[in-house]
Amino acid sequence: MKEIIIKRGSDIELVKILLSNIPIDGNTVVQIKSTKTSSLAKQRSLTWRWMKEIKRSGMEGDRDKEEIYTRMKWRFALPIMLRDSDIFRIVYNSFIKSIEGSLEYKKYCKLFTESYISTDKMNKEQREEYLNNVKSYWKEKGLSLSPSNIYTLC
């Protein structure tokens, strides 16, 4: 398989030459894709890097990084989603009302968080706000997370 990253005009000329020499027999696939990483992918990568750092710090006890992520979503993504989505607010309020007084309140909140609070469904600005809030929270607790500028957020 030949992979060419277009960096200059001569690369385009090379691709044209290669394409003109491909037999038209249905046995060759040409794939064109962007090498740019999306902001979502960068922000997701930063999130999981931070969850690992928080886990290593021991400041969340014996929780694994997925449990820490669930707690961070409840604490920081939930308020953003409640503020910005009328539909989500209606669903959340109905959910909370239905489990009030339940002996398994924490369990249901965790399940709700895992199932319905998604940073992937947020727009780039909301995810940036979420990440900034996570970083500020841990900074106040004395934990310095990796700088977000190593992963461009936009």
Protein backbone atom coordinates (compact mmCIF):
# COMPACT_ATOMS: atom_id res chain seq x y z
CA MET A 1 0.00 0.00 0.00
CA LYS A 2 1.34 3.41 -0.92
CA GLU A 3 0.50 6.39 1.29
CA ILE A 4 1.28 9.94 0.24
CA ILE A 5 0.80 12.96 2.47
CA ILE A 6 0.23 16.09 0.40
CA LYS A 7 2.60 18.79 1.64
CA ARG A 8 3.47 20.60 -1.58
CA GLY A 9 2.46 20.87 -5.23
CA SER A 10 4.90 18.15 -6.34
CA ASP A 11 3.03 15.66 -4.15
CA ILE A 12 -0.15 16.35 -6.12
CA GLU A 13 1.73 15.81 -9.37
CA LEU A 14 3.03 12.47 -8.06
CA VAL A 15 -0.51 11.40 -7.18
CA LYS A 16 -1.71 12.34 -10.69
CA ILE A 17 1.04 10.22 -12.25
CA LEU A 18 0.27 7.26 -10.00
CA LEU A 19 -3.46 7.53 -10.71
CA SER A 20 -2.88 7.66 -14.48
CA ASN A 21 -0.93 4.37 -14.27
CA ILE A 22 -3.55 2.40 -12.33
CA PRO A 23 -5.27 -0.21 -14.49
CA ILE A 24 -9.02 0.23 -14.71
CA ASP A 25 -9.93 -3.28 -13.61
CA GLY A 26 -11.77 -2.77 -10.31
CA ASN A 27 -8.90 -4.18 -8.26
CA THR A 28 -7.47 -0.95 -6.85
CA VAL A 29 -8.86 1.25 -4.09
CA VAL A 30 -7.74 4.85 -3.73
CA GLN A 31 -8.49 6.40 -0.36
CA ILE A 32 -8.24 10.11 0.45
CA LYS A 33 -8.42 11.17 4.07
CA SER A 34 -7.52 14.14 6.20
CA THR A 35 -4.52 13.83 8.52
CA LYS A 36 -5.86 16.59 10.75
CA THR A 37 -7.09 15.36 14.13
CA SER A 38 -10.52 16.67 15.10
CA SER A 39 -11.00 18.85 18.16
CA LEU A 40 -13.20 16.10 19.63
CA ALA A 41 -10.40 13.55 19.29
CA LYS A 42 -7.88 15.95 20.84
CA GLN A 43 -10.20 16.81 23.72
CA ARG A 44 -11.07 13.15 24.28
CA SER A 45 -7.37 12.28 24.38
CA LEU A 46 -6.71 15.06 26.88
CA THR A 47 -9.62 13.92 29.04
CA TRP A 48 -8.31 10.36 29.31
CA ARG A 49 -4.77 11.57 29.92
CA TRP A 50 -6.09 13.61 32.84
CA MET A 51 -8.18 10.70 34.18
CA LYS A 52 -4.99 8.58 34.26
CA GLU A 53 -3.11 11.38 36.05
CA ILE A 54 -5.89 11.74 38.63
CA LYS A 55 -5.90 7.97 39.17
CA ARG A 56 -2.10 7.93 39.63
CA SER A 57 -2.33 10.78 42.15
CA GLY A 58 -4.38 8.59 44.49
CA MET A 59 -6.63 11.56 45.28
CA GLU A 60 -9.71 9.60 44.17
CA GLY A 61 -8.92 6.60 46.35
CA ASP A 62 -9.07 3.26 44.59
CA ARG A 63 -11.42 4.43 41.82
CA ASP A 64 -10.37 3.49 38.29
CA LYS A 65 -10.17 6.08 35.51
CA GLU A 66 -13.68 5.22 34.21
CA GLU A 67 -15.18 5.83 37.67
CA ILE A 68 -13.25 9.10 37.93
CA TYR A 69 -14.54 10.11 34.49
CA THR A 70 -18.11 9.36 35.58
CA ARG A 71 -17.65 11.56 38.67
CA MET A 72 -16.15 14.38 36.58
CA LYS A 73 -19.06 14.21 34.12
CA TRP A 74 -21.57 14.41 36.99
CA ARG A 75 -19.74 17.30 38.61
CA PHE A 76 -18.77 19.36 35.53
CA ALA A 77 -20.56 18.20 32.36
CA LEU A 78 -23.99 17.91 33.98
CA PRO A 79 -24.29 21.64 34.86
CA ILE A 80 -23.30 22.62 31.31
CA MET A 81 -25.84 20.26 29.77
CA LEU A 82 -28.56 21.43 32.18
CA ARG A 83 -27.82 25.05 31.32
CA ASP A 84 -27.69 24.58 27.54
CA SER A 85 -30.32 21.93 26.71
CA ASP A 86 -33.99 22.28 27.54
CA ILE A 87 -34.68 18.66 26.56
CA PHE A 88 -31.85 17.33 28.68
CA ARG A 89 -33.05 19.45 31.62
CA ILE A 90 -36.57 17.95 31.32
CA VAL A 91 -35.21 14.39 31.18
CA TYR A 92 -32.86 15.01 34.11
CA ASN A 93 -35.51 16.65 36.28
CA SER A 94 -37.94 13.77 35.61
CA PHE A 95 -35.20 11.27 36.45
CA ILE A 96 -34.27 13.01 39.73
CA LYS A 97 -37.93 13.28 40.74
CA SER A 98 -38.45 9.56 40.06
CA ILE A 99 -35.56 8.43 42.29
CA GLU A 100 -36.03 10.88 45.18
CA GLY A 101 -35.79 9.02 48.47
CA SER A 102 -34.57 5.82 46.82
CA LEU A 103 -32.12 3.74 48.79
CA GLU A 104 -30.23 3.29 45.52
CA TYR A 105 -30.05 6.99 44.66
CA LYS A 106 -26.25 6.98 44.13
CA LYS A 107 -26.42 3.86 41.97
CA TYR A 108 -29.10 5.39 39.75
CA CYS A 109 -27.21 8.67 39.46
CA LYS A 110 -24.12 6.76 38.35
CA LEU A 111 -26.13 4.82 35.76
CA PHE A 112 -27.75 8.03 34.52
CA THR A 113 -24.33 9.67 34.19
CA GLU A 114 -22.86 6.74 32.29
CA SER A 115 -25.87 6.52 29.97
CA TYR A 116 -26.95 10.11 29.37
CA ILE A 117 -24.19 12.58 30.22
CA SER A 118 -21.89 12.60 27.24
CA THR A 119 -19.07 15.03 26.62
CA ASP A 120 -18.96 13.68 23.03
CA LYS A 121 -22.40 15.19 22.44
CA MET A 122 -21.20 18.61 23.60
CA ASN A 123 -19.96 21.17 21.13
CA LYS A 124 -16.30 22.22 21.13
CA GLU A 125 -16.90 25.25 23.39
CA GLN A 126 -18.86 23.20 25.92
CA ARG A 127 -16.11 20.57 26.01
CA GLU A 128 -13.51 23.31 26.52
CA GLU A 129 -15.55 24.68 29.42
CA TYR A 130 -15.85 21.18 30.88
CA LEU A 131 -12.09 20.57 30.59
CA ASN A 132 -11.26 23.99 32.07
CA ASN A 133 -13.57 23.27 35.02
CA VAL A 134 -11.96 19.84 35.58
CA LYS A 135 -8.49 21.35 35.45
CA SER A 136 -9.41 24.21 37.84
CA TYR A 137 -11.01 21.81 40.30
CA TRP A 138 -7.92 19.63 40.51
CA LYS A 139 -5.60 22.62 40.63
CA GLU A 140 -7.49 23.86 43.70
CA LYS A 141 -6.96 20.42 45.26
CA GLY A 142 -3.21 20.67 44.60
CA LEU A 143 -2.98 18.43 41.53
CA SER A 144 -1.36 19.93 38.46
CA LEU A 145 -2.71 18.17 35.36
CA SER A 146 -0.85 18.11 32.04
CA PRO A 147 -1.15 21.42 30.23
CA SER A 148 -4.06 21.52 27.81
CA ASN A 149 -1.94 23.36 25.26
CA ILE A 150 -0.06 20.13 24.47
CA TYR A 151 -3.33 19.06 22.88
CA THR A 152 -4.69 22.01 20.93
CA LEU A 153 -8.33 22.23 21.96
CA CYS A 154 -9.57 23.80 18.76
